[in-house]
Amino acid sequence: MSEIKKALVVRSTGSWFVLRGDDGILFDARIKGKFRIEGIKSTNPVAVGDFVDYDLDSDDQNAIITKIHDRKNYIVRKSVNLSKQTQIIAANVDYAFLVVTMANPRTSSGFVDRFLVTAEAYHITPILIFNKIDLLSEEEKFEMEYFMDIYSSIGYQCIPTSAIEGTGIDQVKALMKNKMSMLSGHSGAGKSSIINAVDDTLSTKVGDISEAHFKGKHTTTFAEMFPLSFGGDIIDTPGIKGFGLVDFDKYDLNHYFVEFRQYLSDCKFSNCLHLEEPKCAVKEAVENEEISPERYKNYLAMLSDDEATHYRTGDFS
């Protein structure tokens, strides 16, 4: 067996992987035998964004993943076929960008809040990109500014952009430089346009990776990572349904609304759900407009989505 080396996982099908070595060269790899991580019930123990050790199999010279390095974070979705298990979408993510649009299509505040809750739960920094500002009516501009005020006031970075005109693209590019970023948004929100505006060489790289690997292999893609020409990587997450919190306790939801946290210890009951309980500090803050009524409404909607402990946040594709 040869010397063990380290690489980055840039694509996964569940059983086969594409790794990127320190020299930037891509190569296929697989797992030999059972490979499970303690405490994570996942159908795929290795995910895009993982740093792994690999060796070469003495029999056929294929790259074999031998170890997964410790993750700083990871994000999961429910497994499509096994409801009690999960799929790890990506690991070691610095930023999760959500492309938001006020129209064509409209991104609801409920959708945005579900995304933010998911990012908070998995310890990933979210950033909101308000795209297509060149196409907004005066009313839509006013609405965008209203939502940007809500989210920026509680600490979330909001960037108005126009992929067509280039507005805000330099700011997005500066944040992505030398970072591992994930990009999500409704179909039609302009995710591809943002990617192309940030790095116009990326579409070629996407094609190269897709065509060069996995020919004749099962290709259920969980996510795929592409290198940015100016440094850093971007993870594309196509068609992810049920992307979000899995098996969480409903009493934890309020901790993922960042502006709620300062009031939680002032509620009369330590297990307050902020519904009809007396002397609820969160409800008082809503009444005093210290907490956005829109955010509180979305919190209630999430709480009632599923009274069981399973919770789904929508489709961030």
Protein backbone atom coordinates (compact mmCIF):
# COMPACT_ATOMS: atom_id res chain seq x y z
CA MET A 1 0.00 0.00 0.00
CA SER A 2 1.22 3.51 -0.80
CA GLU A 3 1.52 6.49 1.50
CA ILE A 4 -1.82 7.83 2.82
CA LYS A 5 -2.73 11.23 1.36
CA LYS A 6 -5.37 13.90 2.06
CA ALA A 7 -7.99 15.15 -0.42
CA LEU A 8 -11.28 17.08 -0.61
CA VAL A 9 -14.57 15.44 -1.63
CA VAL A 10 -16.10 17.46 -4.48
CA ARG A 11 -18.82 15.10 -5.68
CA SER A 12 -20.77 12.18 -4.27
CA THR A 13 -23.14 9.54 -5.57
CA GLY A 14 -23.36 7.68 -2.28
CA SER A 15 -21.01 4.87 -3.27
CA TRP A 16 -18.51 6.60 -5.60
CA PHE A 17 -16.83 9.96 -5.04
CA VAL A 18 -14.70 12.50 -6.88
CA LEU A 19 -11.77 13.75 -4.81
CA ARG A 20 -9.55 16.75 -5.42
CA GLY A 21 -5.93 16.49 -4.35
CA ASP A 22 -3.64 19.31 -3.24
CA ASP A 23 -2.48 19.59 -6.85
CA GLY A 24 -6.04 20.28 -8.05
CA ILE A 25 -6.27 16.98 -9.95
CA LEU A 26 -9.64 15.18 -9.77
CA PHE A 27 -9.90 11.43 -9.37
CA ASP A 28 -12.50 8.81 -8.47
CA ALA A 29 -12.59 7.07 -5.11
CA ARG A 30 -14.75 4.66 -3.18
CA ILE A 31 -15.28 3.32 0.31
CA LYS A 32 -14.17 -0.18 1.09
CA GLY A 33 -16.51 -2.10 3.40
CA LYS A 34 -18.61 -0.48 6.10
CA PHE A 35 -17.82 3.11 6.97
CA ARG A 36 -19.99 4.78 9.57
CA ILE A 37 -19.59 7.84 11.80
CA GLU A 38 -20.69 7.42 15.39
CA GLY A 39 -23.78 9.46 16.29
CA ILE A 40 -24.90 10.18 12.70
CA LYS A 41 -27.62 7.99 11.20
CA SER A 42 -26.84 8.74 7.58
CA THR A 43 -27.13 6.84 4.32
CA ASN A 44 -23.93 8.52 3.14
CA PRO A 45 -21.10 8.74 5.68
CA VAL A 46 -18.89 10.76 3.30
CA ALA A 47 -20.17 14.08 1.92
CA VAL A 48 -19.15 16.89 -0.39
CA GLY A 49 -16.90 19.24 1.57
CA ASP A 50 -15.34 16.50 3.65
CA PHE A 51 -11.58 16.29 3.94
CA VAL A 52 -10.55 12.65 3.77
CA ASP A 53 -7.49 10.44 3.82
CA TYR A 54 -7.15 7.99 0.97
CA ASP A 55 -4.91 5.15 -0.06
CA LEU A 56 -4.59 3.02 -3.17
CA ASP A 57 -6.04 -0.46 -3.17
CA SER A 58 -3.23 -2.95 -3.73
CA ASP A 59 -5.46 -5.07 -5.99
CA ASP A 60 -6.82 -2.63 -8.56
CA GLN A 61 -5.06 0.67 -7.71
CA ASN A 62 -8.37 2.46 -7.08
CA ALA A 63 -8.37 5.27 -4.53
CA ILE A 64 -9.90 4.09 -1.25
CA ILE A 65 -11.17 6.54 1.39
CA THR A 66 -9.77 5.46 4.74
CA LYS A 67 -10.64 8.33 7.12
CA ILE A 68 -12.92 11.38 7.38
CA HIS A 69 -11.39 14.40 9.11
CA ASP A 70 -13.38 16.14 11.84
CA ARG A 71 -16.08 18.47 10.45
CA LYS A 72 -16.70 21.99 11.68
CA ASN A 73 -20.34 21.63 10.53
CA TYR A 74 -22.58 19.70 8.18
CA ILE A 75 -26.12 19.94 6.86
CA VAL A 76 -28.60 17.14 6.19
CA ARG A 77 -31.90 16.29 4.55
CA LYS A 78 -34.26 13.37 5.03
CA SER A 79 -33.35 10.31 3.04
CA VAL A 80 -35.69 9.88 0.09
CA ASN A 81 -36.29 6.18 0.67
CA LEU A 82 -35.52 5.72 4.36
CA SER A 83 -37.56 8.20 6.37
CA LYS A 84 -35.73 7.47 9.63
CA GLN A 85 -32.34 8.16 8.10
CA THR A 86 -30.72 11.22 6.61
CA GLN A 87 -28.40 12.22 3.79
CA ILE A 88 -25.58 14.62 4.55
CA ILE A 89 -25.76 17.31 1.88
CA ALA A 90 -22.48 19.10 2.55
CA ALA A 91 -19.83 19.57 5.20
CA ASN A 92 -17.43 22.32 6.33
CA VAL A 93 -19.52 25.14 4.83
CA ASP A 94 -18.49 28.75 5.57
CA TYR A 95 -21.47 30.55 4.01
CA ALA A 96 -24.96 29.53 2.89
CA PHE A 97 -26.24 32.06 0.33
CA LEU A 98 -29.98 32.22 -0.39
CA VAL A 99 -31.07 33.99 -3.58
CA VAL A 100 -34.31 35.86 -2.79
CA THR A 101 -36.63 37.54 -5.32
CA MET A 102 -39.63 39.78 -4.73
CA ALA A 103 -41.34 38.61 -7.93
CA ASN A 104 -41.02 36.13 -10.80
CA PRO A 105 -40.83 34.03 -8.65
CA ARG A 106 -41.70 35.53 -5.31
CA THR A 107 -39.72 34.25 -2.32
CA SER A 108 -41.93 34.31 0.76
CA SER A 109 -40.65 35.44 4.14
CA GLY A 110 -41.66 32.02 5.46
CA PHE A 111 -39.29 30.37 3.00
CA VAL A 112 -36.49 32.76 3.98
CA ASP A 113 -37.04 32.12 7.69
CA ARG A 114 -37.00 28.35 7.20
CA PHE A 115 -33.67 28.70 5.44
CA LEU A 116 -32.27 30.89 8.23
CA VAL A 117 -33.48 28.48 10.91
CA THR A 118 -31.80 25.62 9.06
CA ALA A 119 -28.51 27.54 8.81
CA GLU A 120 -28.65 28.42 12.53
CA ALA A 121 -29.31 24.81 13.49
CA TYR A 122 -26.32 23.55 11.51
CA HIS A 123 -23.95 26.36 12.55
CA ILE A 124 -23.56 27.80 9.06
CA THR A 125 -23.47 31.56 8.42
CA PRO A 126 -26.36 32.54 6.10
CA ILE A 127 -26.30 35.48 3.69
CA LEU A 128 -29.35 36.77 1.80
CA ILE A 129 -28.96 37.88 -1.82
CA PHE A 130 -31.93 39.98 -2.99
CA ASN A 131 -31.66 39.50 -6.74
CA LYS A 132 -33.29 41.06 -9.83
CA ILE A 133 -33.45 44.54 -8.32
CA ASP A 134 -33.34 46.00 -11.83
CA LEU A 135 -36.77 44.48 -12.54
CA LEU A 136 -38.62 45.63 -9.42
CA SER A 137 -41.60 47.98 -9.40
CA GLU A 138 -41.63 50.80 -6.85
CA GLU A 139 -43.93 48.74 -4.62
CA GLU A 140 -41.65 45.72 -4.86
CA LYS A 141 -38.61 47.87 -4.05
CA PHE A 142 -40.38 49.14 -0.95
CA GLU A 143 -41.20 45.57 0.08
CA MET A 144 -37.60 44.46 -0.47
CA GLU A 145 -36.30 47.30 1.69
CA TYR A 146 -38.83 46.35 4.39
CA PHE A 147 -37.56 42.77 4.50
CA MET A 148 -33.92 43.83 4.29
CA ASP A 149 -34.51 46.07 7.33
CA ILE A 150 -36.03 43.16 9.27
CA TYR A 151 -33.16 40.78 8.55
CA SER A 152 -30.27 43.24 8.79
CA SER A 153 -31.59 44.51 12.13
CA ILE A 154 -31.17 41.04 13.64
CA GLY A 155 -27.68 40.57 12.25
CA TYR A 156 -28.12 38.92 8.85
CA GLN A 157 -26.17 40.29 5.90
CA CYS A 158 -28.40 41.32 2.98
CA ILE A 159 -27.03 42.12 -0.47
CA PRO A 160 -29.21 43.65 -3.22
CA THR A 161 -28.03 42.39 -6.60
CA SER A 162 -28.67 42.45 -10.31
CA ALA A 163 -26.87 39.66 -12.09
CA ILE A 164 -27.68 41.37 -15.39
CA GLU A 165 -26.31 44.81 -14.46
CA GLY A 166 -23.61 43.54 -12.10
CA THR A 167 -24.95 45.37 -9.04
CA GLY A 168 -23.72 43.81 -5.79
CA ILE A 169 -21.73 41.08 -7.55
CA ASP A 170 -18.35 42.36 -6.33
CA GLN A 171 -19.65 42.20 -2.75
CA VAL A 172 -20.80 38.59 -3.21
CA LYS A 173 -17.50 37.70 -4.87
CA ALA A 174 -15.48 39.22 -2.01
CA LEU A 175 -17.40 37.11 0.52
CA MET A 176 -16.93 33.91 -1.47
CA LYS A 177 -13.18 34.40 -1.98
CA ASN A 178 -11.21 31.62 -0.27
CA LYS A 179 -14.37 30.31 1.42
CA MET A 180 -16.54 27.24 0.97
CA SER A 181 -19.99 28.54 0.00
CA MET A 182 -23.35 26.93 -0.66
CA LEU A 183 -25.86 28.59 -3.00
CA SER A 184 -29.60 27.98 -2.82
CA GLY A 185 -32.82 29.54 -4.06
CA HIS A 186 -36.08 28.92 -5.86
CA SER A 187 -35.89 27.81 -9.47
CA GLY A 188 -35.98 30.99 -11.54
CA ALA A 189 -34.58 33.22 -8.78
CA GLY A 190 -31.37 33.67 -10.76
CA LYS A 191 -29.01 31.30 -8.98
CA SER A 192 -27.24 30.32 -12.22
CA SER A 193 -27.02 33.97 -13.29
CA ILE A 194 -25.40 34.86 -9.95
CA ILE A 195 -22.88 32.03 -10.34
CA ASN A 196 -21.99 33.12 -13.89
CA ALA A 197 -21.72 36.76 -12.85
CA VAL A 198 -19.41 35.87 -9.96
CA ASP A 199 -17.23 33.57 -12.06
CA ASP A 200 -17.86 33.30 -15.80
CA THR A 201 -15.43 30.36 -16.08
CA LEU A 202 -17.54 28.17 -13.82
CA SER A 203 -19.95 26.75 -16.42
CA THR A 204 -17.01 25.18 -18.26
CA LYS A 205 -15.72 23.59 -15.06
CA VAL A 206 -19.18 22.21 -14.29
CA GLY A 207 -19.30 20.50 -17.67
CA ASP A 208 -15.78 19.14 -17.37
CA ILE A 209 -16.40 17.51 -14.00
CA SER A 210 -19.77 16.11 -14.98
CA GLU A 211 -18.48 14.53 -18.20
CA ALA A 212 -15.13 13.27 -16.94
CA HIS A 213 -16.38 11.19 -14.03
CA PHE A 214 -19.02 8.59 -13.16
CA LYS A 215 -19.65 7.36 -16.71
CA GLY A 216 -21.74 4.21 -16.36
CA LYS A 217 -21.98 4.63 -12.59
CA HIS A 218 -25.02 5.36 -10.46
CA THR A 219 -25.25 9.16 -10.26
CA THR A 220 -27.73 10.21 -7.59
CA THR A 221 -25.95 13.45 -6.76
CA PHE A 222 -26.26 14.80 -3.23
CA ALA A 223 -24.29 17.95 -4.03
CA GLU A 224 -21.37 19.05 -6.15
CA MET A 225 -18.51 21.45 -5.50
CA PHE A 226 -16.76 23.65 -8.06
CA PRO A 227 -13.57 25.70 -7.62
CA LEU A 228 -13.81 29.46 -8.09
CA SER A 229 -11.18 31.03 -10.31
CA PHE A 230 -10.41 33.71 -7.70
CA GLY A 231 -10.09 31.26 -4.79
CA GLY A 232 -12.62 29.30 -2.79
CA ASP A 233 -15.30 26.79 -3.74
CA ILE A 234 -19.03 26.85 -4.35
CA ILE A 235 -21.37 23.95 -3.61
CA ASP A 236 -24.39 23.56 -5.86
CA THR A 237 -27.35 21.72 -4.32
CA PRO A 238 -29.77 20.82 -7.13
CA GLY A 239 -33.28 19.58 -6.36
CA ILE A 240 -32.98 19.28 -2.61
CA LYS A 241 -36.40 18.60 -1.12
CA GLY A 242 -36.93 18.20 2.58
CA PHE A 243 -33.70 20.11 3.14
CA GLY A 244 -33.64 21.15 6.77
CA LEU A 245 -34.07 20.15 10.36
CA VAL A 246 -34.51 16.48 11.04
CA ASP A 247 -35.55 14.92 14.34
CA PHE A 248 -35.47 18.08 16.43
CA ASP A 249 -37.49 18.90 19.52
CA LYS A 250 -40.14 21.61 19.04
CA TYR A 251 -38.88 23.30 22.20
CA ASP A 252 -35.58 24.01 20.42
CA LEU A 253 -37.11 25.96 17.52
CA ASN A 254 -37.14 29.28 19.38
CA HIS A 255 -33.35 29.11 19.82
CA TYR A 256 -32.94 29.21 16.03
CA PHE A 257 -34.74 32.58 15.83
CA VAL A 258 -31.77 34.72 16.84
CA GLU A 259 -33.77 37.70 18.10
CA PHE A 260 -35.83 35.48 20.44
CA ARG A 261 -32.79 34.38 22.45
CA GLN A 262 -32.44 37.48 24.63
CA TYR A 263 -36.04 37.09 25.84
CA LEU A 264 -36.21 33.34 26.51
CA SER A 265 -34.93 33.49 30.09
CA ASP A 266 -37.59 36.09 30.95
CA CYS A 267 -40.55 33.86 30.08
CA LYS A 268 -42.42 32.55 33.15
CA PHE A 269 -42.07 28.94 31.97
CA SER A 270 -38.71 27.51 30.93
CA ASN A 271 -40.44 25.34 28.28
CA CYS A 272 -42.52 28.22 26.90
CA LEU A 273 -43.53 27.76 23.27
CA HIS A 274 -44.69 31.41 23.05
CA LEU A 275 -48.25 30.47 22.14
CA GLU A 276 -50.86 31.05 24.85
CA GLU A 277 -48.63 30.82 27.92
CA PRO A 278 -48.95 33.63 30.48
CA LYS A 279 -46.10 36.10 31.05
CA CYS A 280 -44.34 35.23 27.81
CA ALA A 281 -41.48 37.66 27.18
CA VAL A 282 -41.32 36.80 23.46
CA LYS A 283 -45.00 37.67 22.89
CA GLU A 284 -44.52 40.90 24.82
CA ALA A 285 -41.55 41.74 22.59
CA VAL A 286 -43.71 41.12 19.50
CA GLU A 287 -46.44 43.39 20.87
CA ASN A 288 -43.81 46.07 21.56
CA GLU A 289 -42.43 45.60 18.01
CA GLU A 290 -39.06 44.57 19.42
CA ILE A 291 -39.54 41.31 17.47
CA SER A 292 -40.91 41.44 13.93
CA PRO A 293 -44.55 40.25 13.80
CA GLU A 294 -43.71 38.72 10.41
CA ARG A 295 -40.96 36.59 11.93
CA TYR A 296 -43.18 35.59 14.86
CA LYS A 297 -45.93 34.56 12.43
CA ASN A 298 -43.45 32.38 10.57
CA TYR A 299 -42.27 30.86 13.85
CA LEU A 300 -45.86 29.85 14.64
CA ALA A 301 -46.27 28.39 11.14
CA MET A 302 -43.14 26.27 11.55
CA LEU A 303 -44.25 25.12 14.98
CA SER A 304 -47.60 23.94 13.60
CA ASP A 305 -46.14 22.37 10.44
CA ASP A 306 -45.58 19.10 12.24
CA GLU A 307 -46.42 18.46 15.88
CA ALA A 308 -44.15 15.42 15.77
CA THR A 309 -40.42 15.85 16.09
CA HIS A 310 -39.81 15.54 12.34
CA TYR A 311 -39.62 18.89 10.59
CA ARG A 312 -39.08 19.86 6.99
CA THR A 313 -38.09 23.28 5.75
CA GLY A 314 -38.97 23.23 2.08
CA ASP A 315 -37.12 22.94 -1.20
CA PHE A 316 -33.87 24.91 -1.44
CA SER A 317 -32.76 23.94 -4.92
